[in-house]
């Protein structure tokens, strides 16, 4: 199928043959990538929007999804279900969470 051919072609590109650890290190060097707001928040104009980087290809998406350093900083708004995703992906990393308001914070408590 066309999708399978595209995936094979994409996998053959030199950037996607790099070890994932090296690719993650490259992403970390991008300005503010680890501290950019998550996709449900409007990013400030001076930061790299890593959600866009995740959309480049499956390989890049997996590299960011599977490395906790990209999930340590988040603004929690009314959709608190995202917090569960952040907690799962950040693993045991220290977190920097900002809550939109007190009501949102209280909604996350057991």
PDB file of N, CA and C in Angstrom:
ATOM      1  N   UNK A   1       0.840  -1.190   0.000  1.00  0.00           N
ATOM      2  CA  UNK A   1       0.000   0.000   0.000  1.00  0.00           C
ATOM      3  C   UNK A   1       0.880   1.245   0.000  1.00  0.00           C
ATOM      4  N   UNK A   2       0.284   2.347  -0.275  1.00  0.00           N
ATOM      5  CA  UNK A   2       1.008   3.627  -0.311  1.00  0.00           C
ATOM      6  C   UNK A   2       1.566   3.951   1.071  1.00  0.00           C
ATOM      7  N   UNK A   3       0.776   3.721   2.096  1.00  0.00           N
ATOM      8  CA  UNK A   3       1.226   4.006   3.461  1.00  0.00           C
ATOM      9  C   UNK A   3       2.442   3.169   3.826  1.00  0.00           C
ATOM     10  N   UNK A   4       2.420   1.902   3.482  1.00  0.00           N
ATOM     11  CA  UNK A   4       3.559   1.030   3.779  1.00  0.00           C
ATOM     12  C   UNK A   4       4.814   1.482   3.045  1.00  0.00           C
ATOM     13  N   UNK A   5       4.666   1.891   1.786  1.00  0.00           N
ATOM     14  CA  UNK A   5       5.822   2.382   1.020  1.00  0.00           C
ATOM     15  C   UNK A   5       6.373   3.660   1.631  1.00  0.00           C
ATOM     16  N   UNK A   6       5.492   4.552   2.063  1.00  0.00           N
ATOM     17  CA  UNK A   6       5.945   5.795   2.699  1.00  0.00           C
ATOM     18  C   UNK A   6       6.686   5.500   3.999  1.00  0.00           C
ATOM     19  N   UNK A   7       6.164   4.562   4.769  1.00  0.00           N
ATOM     20  CA  UNK A   7       6.816   4.199   6.023  1.00  0.00           C
ATOM     21  C   UNK A   7       8.197   3.605   5.774  1.00  0.00           C
ATOM     22  N   UNK A   8       8.328   2.754   4.758  1.00  0.00           N
ATOM     23  CA  UNK A   8       9.615   2.166   4.419  1.00  0.00           C
ATOM     24  C   UNK A   8      10.591   3.238   3.946  1.00  0.00           C
ATOM     25  N   UNK A   9      10.116   4.144   3.096  1.00  0.00           N
ATOM     26  CA  UNK A   9      10.969   5.224   2.618  1.00  0.00           C
ATOM     27  C   UNK A   9      11.420   6.098   3.778  1.00  0.00           C
ATOM     28  N   UNK A  10      10.494   6.465   4.648  1.00  0.00           N
ATOM     29  CA  UNK A  10      10.813   7.311   5.793  1.00  0.00           C
ATOM     30  C   UNK A  10      11.836   6.636   6.699  1.00  0.00           C
ATOM     31  N   UNK A  11      11.667   5.336   6.946  1.00  0.00           N
ATOM     32  CA  UNK A  11      12.597   4.595   7.796  1.00  0.00           C
ATOM     33  C   UNK A  11      13.996   4.539   7.197  1.00  0.00           C
ATOM     34  N   UNK A  12      14.103   4.662   5.874  1.00  0.00           N
ATOM     35  CA  UNK A  12      15.412   4.585   5.223  1.00  0.00           C
ATOM     36  C   UNK A  12      16.178   5.911   5.248  1.00  0.00           C
ATOM     37  N   UNK A  13      15.522   6.991   5.628  1.00  0.00           N
ATOM     38  CA  UNK A  13      16.198   8.296   5.663  1.00  0.00           C
ATOM     39  C   UNK A  13      17.296   8.295   6.726  1.00  0.00           C
ATOM     40  N   UNK A  14      18.425   8.940   6.450  1.00  0.00           N
ATOM     41  CA  UNK A  14      19.543   8.932   7.404  1.00  0.00           C
ATOM     42  C   UNK A  14      19.157   9.398   8.809  1.00  0.00           C
ATOM     43  N   UNK A  15      18.337  10.436   8.926  1.00  0.00           N
ATOM     44  CA  UNK A  15      17.954  10.941  10.248  1.00  0.00           C
ATOM     45  C   UNK A  15      17.214   9.873  11.043  1.00  0.00           C
ATOM     46  N   UNK A  16      16.481   9.024  10.382  1.00  0.00           N
ATOM     47  CA  UNK A  16      15.707   8.004  11.082  1.00  0.00           C
ATOM     48  C   UNK A  16      16.478   6.711  11.315  1.00  0.00           C
ATOM     49  N   UNK A  17      17.725   6.682  10.841  1.00  0.00           N
ATOM     50  CA  UNK A  17      18.583   5.540  11.137  1.00  0.00           C
ATOM     51  C   UNK A  17      19.474   5.828  12.347  1.00  0.00           C
ATOM     52  N   UNK A  18      19.395   7.061  12.869  1.00  0.00           N
ATOM     53  CA  UNK A  18      20.152   7.393  14.074  1.00  0.00           C
ATOM     54  C   UNK A  18      19.584   6.616  15.257  1.00  0.00           C
ATOM     55  N   UNK A  19      20.423   6.257  16.200  1.00  0.00           N
ATOM     56  CA  UNK A  19      19.888   5.644  17.422  1.00  0.00           C
ATOM     57  C   UNK A  19      18.927   6.621  18.109  1.00  0.00           C
ATOM     58  N   UNK A  20      17.888   6.087  18.707  1.00  0.00           N
ATOM     59  CA  UNK A  20      16.867   6.932  19.338  1.00  0.00           C
ATOM     60  C   UNK A  20      17.492   7.859  20.384  1.00  0.00           C
ATOM     61  N   UNK A  21      18.464   7.364  21.138  1.00  0.00           N
ATOM     62  CA  UNK A  21      19.098   8.179  22.171  1.00  0.00           C
ATOM     63  C   UNK A  21      19.757   9.415  21.572  1.00  0.00           C
ATOM     64  N   UNK A  22      20.385   9.265  20.409  1.00  0.00           N
ATOM     65  CA  UNK A  22      21.014  10.401  19.744  1.00  0.00           C
ATOM     66  C   UNK A  22      19.955  11.371  19.218  1.00  0.00           C
ATOM     67  N   UNK A  23      18.892  10.838  18.662  1.00  0.00           N
ATOM     68  CA  UNK A  23      17.797  11.682  18.177  1.00  0.00           C
ATOM     69  C   UNK A  23      17.198  12.488  19.332  1.00  0.00           C
ATOM     70  N   UNK A  24      16.995  11.859  20.468  1.00  0.00           N
ATOM     71  CA  UNK A  24      16.467  12.559  21.644  1.00  0.00           C
ATOM     72  C   UNK A  24      17.428  13.663  22.073  1.00  0.00           C
ATOM     73  N   UNK A  25      18.723  13.381  22.056  1.00  0.00           N
ATOM     74  CA  UNK A  25      19.709  14.416  22.412  1.00  0.00           C
ATOM     75  C   UNK A  25      19.652  15.596  21.448  1.00  0.00           C
ATOM     76  N   UNK A  26      19.422  15.328  20.184  1.00  0.00           N
ATOM     77  CA  UNK A  26      19.268  16.409  19.200  1.00  0.00           C
ATOM     78  C   UNK A  26      18.027  17.230  19.544  1.00  0.00           C
ATOM     79  N   UNK A  27      16.925  16.560  19.842  1.00  0.00           N
ATOM     80  CA  UNK A  27      15.696  17.271  20.205  1.00  0.00           C
ATOM     81  C   UNK A  27      15.903  18.124  21.449  1.00  0.00           C
ATOM     82  N   UNK A  28      16.641  17.602  22.414  1.00  0.00           N
ATOM     83  CA  UNK A  28      16.897  18.348  23.653  1.00  0.00           C
ATOM     84  C   UNK A  28      17.668  19.630  23.363  1.00  0.00           C
ATOM     85  N   UNK A  29      18.526  19.608  22.345  1.00  0.00           N
ATOM     86  CA  UNK A  29      19.299  20.798  22.005  1.00  0.00           C
ATOM     87  C   UNK A  29      18.471  21.894  21.344  1.00  0.00           C
ATOM     88  N   UNK A  30      17.284  21.543  20.851  1.00  0.00           N
ATOM     89  CA  UNK A  30      16.411  22.558  20.273  1.00  0.00           C
ATOM     90  C   UNK A  30      15.977  23.519  21.373  1.00  0.00           C
ATOM     91  N   UNK A  31      15.833  24.797  21.064  1.00  0.00           N
ATOM     92  CA  UNK A  31      15.495  25.775  22.104  1.00  0.00           C
ATOM     93  C   UNK A  31      14.197  25.432  22.827  1.00  0.00           C
ATOM     94  N   UNK A  32      14.315  25.278  24.138  1.00  0.00           N
ATOM     95  CA  UNK A  32      13.156  25.113  25.021  1.00  0.00           C
ATOM     96  C   UNK A  32      12.250  23.937  24.700  1.00  0.00           C
ATOM     97  N   UNK A  33      12.713  22.942  23.989  1.00  0.00           N
ATOM     98  CA  UNK A  33      11.809  21.850  23.607  1.00  0.00           C
ATOM     99  C   UNK A  33      11.274  21.095  24.822  1.00  0.00           C
ATOM    100  N   UNK A  34      12.112  20.886  25.832  1.00  0.00           N
ATOM    101  CA  UNK A  34      11.629  20.122  26.977  1.00  0.00           C
ATOM    102  C   UNK A  34      10.685  20.933  27.848  1.00  0.00           C
ATOM    103  N   UNK A  35      10.680  22.238  27.691  1.00  0.00           N
ATOM    104  CA  UNK A  35       9.856  23.083  28.546  1.00  0.00           C
ATOM    105  C   UNK A  35       8.747  23.768  27.772  1.00  0.00           C
ATOM    106  N   UNK A  36       8.544  23.366  26.542  1.00  0.00           N
ATOM    107  CA  UNK A  36       7.441  23.929  25.764  1.00  0.00           C
ATOM    108  C   UNK A  36       6.134  23.440  26.343  1.00  0.00           C
ATOM    109  N   UNK A  37       5.123  24.257  26.263  1.00  0.00           N
ATOM    110  CA  UNK A  37       3.817  23.818  26.751  1.00  0.00           C
ATOM    111  C   UNK A  37       3.322  22.619  25.951  1.00  0.00           C
ATOM    112  N   UNK A  38       2.506  21.838  26.572  1.00  0.00           N
ATOM    113  CA  UNK A  38       1.955  20.672  25.899  1.00  0.00           C
ATOM    114  C   UNK A  38       0.917  21.096  24.875  1.00  0.00           C
ATOM    115  N   UNK A  39       0.497  20.187  23.993  1.00  0.00           N
ATOM    116  CA  UNK A  39      -0.316  20.545  22.829  1.00  0.00           C
ATOM    117  C   UNK A  39      -1.629  21.268  23.120  1.00  0.00           C
ATOM    118  N   UNK A  40      -2.168  21.144  24.287  1.00  0.00           N
ATOM    119  CA  UNK A  40      -3.456  21.777  24.555  1.00  0.00           C
ATOM    120  C   UNK A  40      -3.310  23.208  25.040  1.00  0.00           C
ATOM    121  N   UNK A  41      -2.114  23.750  25.010  1.00  0.00           N
ATOM    122  CA  UNK A  41      -1.887  25.133  25.406  1.00  0.00           C
ATOM    123  C   UNK A  41      -1.236  25.875  24.249  1.00  0.00           C
ATOM    124  N   UNK A  42      -1.633  27.091  24.053  1.00  0.00           N
ATOM    125  CA  UNK A  42      -1.047  27.924  23.003  1.00  0.00           C
ATOM    126  C   UNK A  42       0.421  28.165  23.336  1.00  0.00           C
ATOM    127  N   UNK A  43       1.355  27.767  22.467  1.00  0.00           N
ATOM    128  CA  UNK A  43       2.776  27.937  22.800  1.00  0.00           C
ATOM    129  C   UNK A  43       3.207  29.391  22.665  1.00  0.00           C
ATOM    130  N   UNK A  44       4.069  29.847  23.580  1.00  0.00           N
ATOM    131  CA  UNK A  44       4.655  31.170  23.398  1.00  0.00           C
ATOM    132  C   UNK A  44       5.455  31.188  22.106  1.00  0.00           C
ATOM    133  N   UNK A  45       5.600  32.328  21.507  1.00  0.00           N
ATOM    134  CA  UNK A  45       6.258  32.420  20.202  1.00  0.00           C
ATOM    135  C   UNK A  45       7.751  32.144  20.270  1.00  0.00           C
ATOM    136  N   UNK A  46       8.348  32.179  21.455  1.00  0.00           N
ATOM    137  CA  UNK A  46       9.797  31.995  21.546  1.00  0.00           C
ATOM    138  C   UNK A  46      10.196  30.575  21.938  1.00  0.00           C
ATOM    139  N   UNK A  47       9.294  29.615  21.856  1.00  0.00           N
ATOM    140  CA  UNK A  47       9.655  28.245  22.188  1.00  0.00           C
ATOM    141  C   UNK A  47       9.428  27.323  21.002  1.00  0.00           C
ATOM    142  N   UNK A  48      10.105  26.217  21.014  1.00  0.00           N
ATOM    143  CA  UNK A  48       9.917  25.194  19.998  1.00  0.00           C
ATOM    144  C   UNK A  48       8.683  24.391  20.382  1.00  0.00           C
ATOM    145  N   UNK A  49       7.772  24.223  19.480  1.00  0.00           N
ATOM    146  CA  UNK A  49       6.553  23.471  19.754  1.00  0.00           C
ATOM    147  C   UNK A  49       6.819  21.998  19.470  1.00  0.00           C
ATOM    148  N   UNK A  50       7.136  21.232  20.516  1.00  0.00           N
ATOM    149  CA  UNK A  50       7.519  19.842  20.296  1.00  0.00           C
ATOM    150  C   UNK A  50       6.364  18.977  19.826  1.00  0.00           C
ATOM    151  N   UNK A  51       5.131  19.421  19.997  1.00  0.00           N
ATOM    152  CA  UNK A  51       4.004  18.655  19.447  1.00  0.00           C
ATOM    153  C   UNK A  51       4.104  18.605  17.922  1.00  0.00           C
ATOM    154  N   UNK A  52       4.608  19.661  17.324  1.00  0.00           N
ATOM    155  CA  UNK A  52       4.811  19.663  15.865  1.00  0.00           C
ATOM    156  C   UNK A  52       5.915  18.688  15.476  1.00  0.00           C
ATOM    157  N   UNK A  53       6.934  18.589  16.298  1.00  0.00           N
ATOM    158  CA  UNK A  53       8.020  17.660  16.015  1.00  0.00           C
ATOM    159  C   UNK A  53       7.505  16.219  16.105  1.00  0.00           C
ATOM    160  N   UNK A  54       6.610  15.966  17.055  1.00  0.00           N
ATOM    161  CA  UNK A  54       6.014  14.627  17.172  1.00  0.00           C
ATOM    162  C   UNK A  54       5.221  14.264  15.922  1.00  0.00           C
ATOM    163  N   UNK A  55       4.706  15.252  15.215  1.00  0.00           N
ATOM    164  CA  UNK A  55       3.869  15.001  14.041  1.00  0.00           C
ATOM    165  C   UNK A  55       4.679  14.745  12.767  1.00  0.00           C
ATOM    166  N   UNK A  56       5.988  14.871  12.835  1.00  0.00           N
ATOM    167  CA  UNK A  56       6.820  14.690  11.639  1.00  0.00           C
ATOM    168  C   UNK A  56       6.718  13.261  11.111  1.00  0.00           C
ATOM    169  N   UNK A  57       6.900  12.297  12.014  1.00  0.00           N
ATOM    170  CA  UNK A  57       6.816  10.898  11.603  1.00  0.00           C
ATOM    171  C   UNK A  57       6.652  10.030  12.841  1.00  0.00           C
ATOM    172  N   UNK A  58       6.346   8.763  12.617  1.00  0.00           N
ATOM    173  CA  UNK A  58       6.124   7.844  13.733  1.00  0.00           C
ATOM    174  C   UNK A  58       7.379   7.663  14.584  1.00  0.00           C
ATOM    175  N   UNK A  59       8.517   7.650  13.943  1.00  0.00           N
ATOM    176  CA  UNK A  59       9.782   7.460  14.655  1.00  0.00           C
ATOM    177  C   UNK A  59      10.023   8.613  15.629  1.00  0.00           C
ATOM    178  N   UNK A  60       9.837   9.837  15.164  1.00  0.00           N
ATOM    179  CA  UNK A  60      10.035  11.004  16.014  1.00  0.00           C
ATOM    180  C   UNK A  60       8.964  11.055  17.102  1.00  0.00           C
ATOM    181  N   UNK A  61       7.739  10.710  16.744  1.00  0.00           N
ATOM    182  CA  UNK A  61       6.653  10.683  17.720  1.00  0.00           C
ATOM    183  C   UNK A  61       7.001   9.729  18.858  1.00  0.00           C
ATOM    184  N   UNK A  62       7.449   8.533  18.515  1.00  0.00           N
ATOM    185  CA  UNK A  62       7.795   7.536  19.530  1.00  0.00           C
ATOM    186  C   UNK A  62       8.975   7.998  20.381  1.00  0.00           C
ATOM    187  N   UNK A  63       9.959   8.634  19.751  1.00  0.00           N
ATOM    188  CA  UNK A  63      11.137   9.096  20.493  1.00  0.00           C
ATOM    189  C   UNK A  63      10.732  10.092  21.584  1.00  0.00           C
ATOM    190  N   UNK A  64       9.859  11.020  21.258  1.00  0.00           N
ATOM    191  CA  UNK A  64       9.420  12.010  22.246  1.00  0.00           C
ATOM    192  C   UNK A  64       8.449  11.377  23.235  1.00  0.00           C
ATOM    193  N   UNK A  65       7.518  10.595  22.748  1.00  0.00           N
ATOM    194  CA  UNK A  65       6.520   9.959  23.619  1.00  0.00           C
ATOM    195  C   UNK A  65       7.182   9.095  24.687  1.00  0.00           C
ATOM    196  N   UNK A  66       8.245   8.389  24.320  1.00  0.00           N
ATOM    197  CA  UNK A  66       8.839   7.396  25.204  1.00  0.00           C
ATOM    198  C   UNK A  66       9.955   7.920  26.104  1.00  0.00           C
ATOM    199  N   UNK A  67      10.256   9.213  26.038  1.00  0.00           N
ATOM    200  CA  UNK A  67      11.326   9.767  26.872  1.00  0.00           C
ATOM    201  C   UNK A  67      10.742  10.779  27.852  1.00  0.00           C
ATOM    202  N   UNK A  68      10.885  10.463  29.119  1.00  0.00           N
ATOM    203  CA  UNK A  68      10.250  11.221  30.194  1.00  0.00           C
ATOM    204  C   UNK A  68      10.648  12.694  30.224  1.00  0.00           C
ATOM    205  N   UNK A  69      11.821  13.033  29.743  1.00  0.00           N
ATOM    206  CA  UNK A  69      12.275  14.421  29.831  1.00  0.00           C
ATOM    207  C   UNK A  69      11.357  15.389  29.089  1.00  0.00           C
ATOM    208  N   UNK A  70      10.584  14.894  28.131  1.00  0.00           N
ATOM    209  CA  UNK A  70       9.680  15.757  27.376  1.00  0.00           C
ATOM    210  C   UNK A  70       8.326  15.924  28.061  1.00  0.00           C
ATOM    211  N   UNK A  71       8.121  15.255  29.174  1.00  0.00           N
ATOM    212  CA  UNK A  71       6.814  15.244  29.857  1.00  0.00           C
ATOM    213  C   UNK A  71       6.893  15.792  31.269  1.00  0.00           C
ATOM    214  N   UNK A  72       7.929  16.558  31.569  1.00  0.00           N
ATOM    215  CA  UNK A  72       8.132  17.039  32.932  1.00  0.00           C
ATOM    216  C   UNK A  72       7.444  18.370  33.219  1.00  0.00           C
ATOM    217  N   UNK A  73       7.109  19.135  32.211  1.00  0.00           N
ATOM    218  CA  UNK A  73       6.533  20.458  32.395  1.00  0.00           C
ATOM    219  C   UNK A  73       5.196  20.532  31.691  1.00  0.00           C
ATOM    220  N   UNK A  74       4.171  20.985  32.421  1.00  0.00           N
ATOM    221  CA  UNK A  74       2.846  21.073  31.802  1.00  0.00           C
ATOM    222  C   UNK A  74       1.980  22.095  32.514  1.00  0.00           C
ATOM    223  N   UNK A  75       1.076  22.658  31.761  1.00  0.00           N
ATOM    224  CA  UNK A  75       0.029  23.507  32.310  1.00  0.00           C
ATOM    225  C   UNK A  75      -1.243  22.672  32.281  1.00  0.00           C
ATOM    226  N   UNK A  76      -1.846  22.476  33.438  1.00  0.00           N
ATOM    227  CA  UNK A  76      -3.057  21.672  33.534  1.00  0.00           C
ATOM    228  C   UNK A  76      -4.246  22.621  33.510  1.00  0.00           C
ATOM    229  N   UNK A  77      -5.036  22.468  32.472  1.00  0.00           N
ATOM    230  CA  UNK A  77      -6.228  23.296  32.319  1.00  0.00           C
ATOM    231  C   UNK A  77      -7.452  22.478  32.694  1.00  0.00           C
ATOM    232  N   UNK A  78      -8.588  22.822  32.210  1.00  0.00           N
ATOM    233  CA  UNK A  78      -9.825  22.148  32.604  1.00  0.00           C
ATOM    234  C   UNK A  78      -9.848  20.671  32.225  1.00  0.00           C
ATOM    235  N   UNK A  79      -9.175  20.283  31.171  1.00  0.00           N
ATOM    236  CA  UNK A  79      -9.163  18.877  30.745  1.00  0.00           C
ATOM    237  C   UNK A  79      -8.118  18.122  31.562  1.00  0.00           C
ATOM    238  N   UNK A  80      -8.463  17.793  32.788  1.00  0.00           N
ATOM    239  CA  UNK A  80      -7.500  17.182  33.709  1.00  0.00           C
ATOM    240  C   UNK A  80      -7.130  15.748  33.334  1.00  0.00           C
ATOM    241  N   UNK A  81      -7.862  15.129  32.402  1.00  0.00           N
ATOM    242  CA  UNK A  81      -7.486  13.769  31.999  1.00  0.00           C
ATOM    243  C   UNK A  81      -6.091  13.739  31.376  1.00  0.00           C
ATOM    244  N   UNK A  82      -5.625  14.876  30.849  1.00  0.00           N
ATOM    245  CA  UNK A  82      -4.273  14.946  30.290  1.00  0.00           C
ATOM    246  C   UNK A  82      -3.231  14.734  31.382  1.00  0.00           C
ATOM    247  N   UNK A  83      -3.597  15.089  32.612  1.00  0.00           N
ATOM    248  CA  UNK A  83      -2.657  14.919  33.714  1.00  0.00           C
ATOM    249  C   UNK A  83      -2.266  13.450  33.873  1.00  0.00           C
ATOM    250  N   UNK A  84      -3.191  12.530  33.684  1.00  0.00           N
ATOM    251  CA  UNK A  84      -2.881  11.101  33.784  1.00  0.00           C
ATOM    252  C   UNK A  84      -1.868  10.683  32.719  1.00  0.00           C
ATOM    253  N   UNK A  85      -2.009  11.235  31.526  1.00  0.00           N
ATOM    254  CA  UNK A  85      -1.051  10.958  30.449  1.00  0.00           C
ATOM    255  C   UNK A  85       0.329  11.497  30.820  1.00  0.00           C
ATOM    256  N   UNK A  86       0.377  12.713  31.339  1.00  0.00           N
ATOM    257  CA  UNK A  86       1.648  13.331  31.743  1.00  0.00           C
ATOM    258  C   UNK A  86       2.315  12.485  32.829  1.00  0.00           C
ATOM    259  N   UNK A  87       1.527  12.087  33.815  1.00  0.00           N
ATOM    260  CA  UNK A  87       2.090  11.292  34.912  1.00  0.00           C
ATOM    261  C   UNK A  87       2.637   9.964  34.412  1.00  0.00           C
ATOM    262  N   UNK A  88       1.933   9.320  33.510  1.00  0.00           N
ATOM    263  CA  UNK A  88       2.400   8.039  32.970  1.00  0.00           C
ATOM    264  C   UNK A  88       3.670   8.214  32.151  1.00  0.00           C
ATOM    265  N   UNK A  89       3.702   9.223  31.319  1.00  0.00           N
ATOM    266  CA  UNK A  89       4.859   9.389  30.420  1.00  0.00           C
ATOM    267  C   UNK A  89       6.075   9.984  31.108  1.00  0.00           C
ATOM    268  N   UNK A  90       5.870  10.718  32.180  1.00  0.00           N
ATOM    269  CA  UNK A  90       7.007  11.327  32.888  1.00  0.00           C
ATOM    270  C   UNK A  90       7.698  10.323  33.801  1.00  0.00           C
ATOM    271  N   UNK A  91       7.049   9.203  34.021  1.00  0.00           N
ATOM    272  CA  UNK A  91       7.564   8.133  34.874  1.00  0.00           C
ATOM    273  C   UNK A  91       7.932   8.672  36.253  1.00  0.00           C
ATOM    274  N   UNK A  92       9.170   8.482  36.683  1.00  0.00           N
ATOM    275  CA  UNK A  92       9.593   8.925  38.016  1.00  0.00           C
ATOM    276  C   UNK A  92      10.297  10.275  37.989  1.00  0.00           C
ATOM    277  N   UNK A  93      10.190  11.006  36.896  1.00  0.00           N
ATOM    278  CA  UNK A  93      10.862  12.301  36.772  1.00  0.00           C
ATOM    279  C   UNK A  93      10.203  13.347  37.667  1.00  0.00           C
ATOM    280  N   UNK A  94      10.991  14.306  38.071  1.00  0.00           N
ATOM    281  CA  UNK A  94      10.432  15.453  38.795  1.00  0.00           C
ATOM    282  C   UNK A  94       9.547  16.237  37.828  1.00  0.00           C
ATOM    283  N   UNK A  95       8.424  16.727  38.329  1.00  0.00           N
ATOM    284  CA  UNK A  95       7.461  17.431  37.483  1.00  0.00           C
ATOM    285  C   UNK A  95       7.379  18.903  37.853  1.00  0.00           C
ATOM    286  N   UNK A  96       7.052  19.699  36.856  1.00  0.00           N
ATOM    287  CA  UNK A  96       6.727  21.105  37.073  1.00  0.00           C
ATOM    288  C   UNK A  96       5.346  21.313  36.468  1.00  0.00           C
ATOM    289  N   UNK A  97       4.330  21.301  37.345  1.00  0.00           N
ATOM    290  CA  UNK A  97       2.952  21.444  36.892  1.00  0.00           C
ATOM    291  C   UNK A  97       2.417  22.804  37.309  1.00  0.00           C
ATOM    292  N   UNK A  98       1.743  23.448  36.395  1.00  0.00           N
ATOM    293  CA  UNK A  98       1.064  24.700  36.681  1.00  0.00           C
ATOM    294  C   UNK A  98      -0.416  24.458  36.438  1.00  0.00           C
ATOM    295  N   UNK A  99      -1.227  24.762  37.423  1.00  0.00           N
ATOM    296  CA  UNK A  99      -2.664  24.562  37.291  1.00  0.00           C
ATOM    297  C   UNK A  99      -3.327  25.873  36.906  1.00  0.00           C
ATOM    298  N   UNK A 100      -4.285  25.781  36.007  1.00  0.00           N
ATOM    299  CA  UNK A 100      -4.983  26.959  35.490  1.00  0.00           C
ATOM    300  C   UNK A 100      -5.612  27.755  36.630  1.00  0.00           C
ATOM    301  N   UNK A 101      -6.229  27.056  37.566  1.00  0.00           N
ATOM    302  CA  UNK A 101      -6.868  27.732  38.689  1.00  0.00           C
ATOM    303  C   UNK A 101      -7.062  26.732  39.826  1.00  0.00           C
ATOM    304  N   UNK A 102      -7.541  27.206  40.950  1.00  0.00           N
ATOM    305  CA  UNK A 102      -7.740  26.357  42.120  1.00  0.00           C
ATOM    306  C   UNK A 102      -8.741  25.245  41.850  1.00  0.00           C
ATOM    307  N   UNK A 103      -9.799  25.541  41.118  1.00  0.00           N
ATOM    308  CA  UNK A 103     -10.818  24.535  40.801  1.00  0.00           C
ATOM    309  C   UNK A 103     -10.204  23.374  40.028  1.00  0.00           C
ATOM    310  N   UNK A 104      -9.359  23.684  39.073  1.00  0.00           N
ATOM    311  CA  UNK A 104      -8.685  22.640  38.293  1.00  0.00           C
ATOM    312  C   UNK A 104      -7.785  21.804  39.201  1.00  0.00           C
ATOM    313  N   UNK A 105      -7.038  22.469  40.071  1.00  0.00           N
ATOM    314  CA  UNK A 105      -6.162  21.755  41.002  1.00  0.00           C
ATOM    315  C   UNK A 105      -6.985  20.820  41.885  1.00  0.00           C
ATOM    316  N   UNK A 106      -8.055  21.312  42.463  1.00  0.00           N
ATOM    317  CA  UNK A 106      -8.892  20.500  43.344  1.00  0.00           C
ATOM    318  C   UNK A 106      -9.518  19.325  42.603  1.00  0.00           C
ATOM    319  N   UNK A 107      -9.821  19.490  41.341  1.00  0.00           N
ATOM    320  CA  UNK A 107     -10.412  18.407  40.549  1.00  0.00           C
ATOM    321  C   UNK A 107      -9.447  17.244  40.353  1.00  0.00           C
ATOM    322  N   UNK A 108      -8.173  17.481  40.508  1.00  0.00           N
ATOM    323  CA  UNK A 108      -7.177  16.418  40.311  1.00  0.00           C
ATOM    324  C   UNK A 108      -6.907  15.632  41.574  1.00  0.00           C
ATOM    325  N   UNK A 109      -7.377  16.121  42.698  1.00  0.00           N
ATOM    326  CA  UNK A 109      -7.126  15.439  43.970  1.00  0.00           C
ATOM    327  C   UNK A 109      -8.046  14.238  44.133  1.00  0.00           C
ATOM    328  N   UNK A 110      -7.561  13.185  44.795  1.00  0.00           N
ATOM    329  CA  UNK A 110      -8.410  11.997  44.992  1.00  0.00           C
ATOM    330  C   UNK A 110      -9.565  12.275  45.942  1.00  0.00           C
TER     331      UNK A 110
END
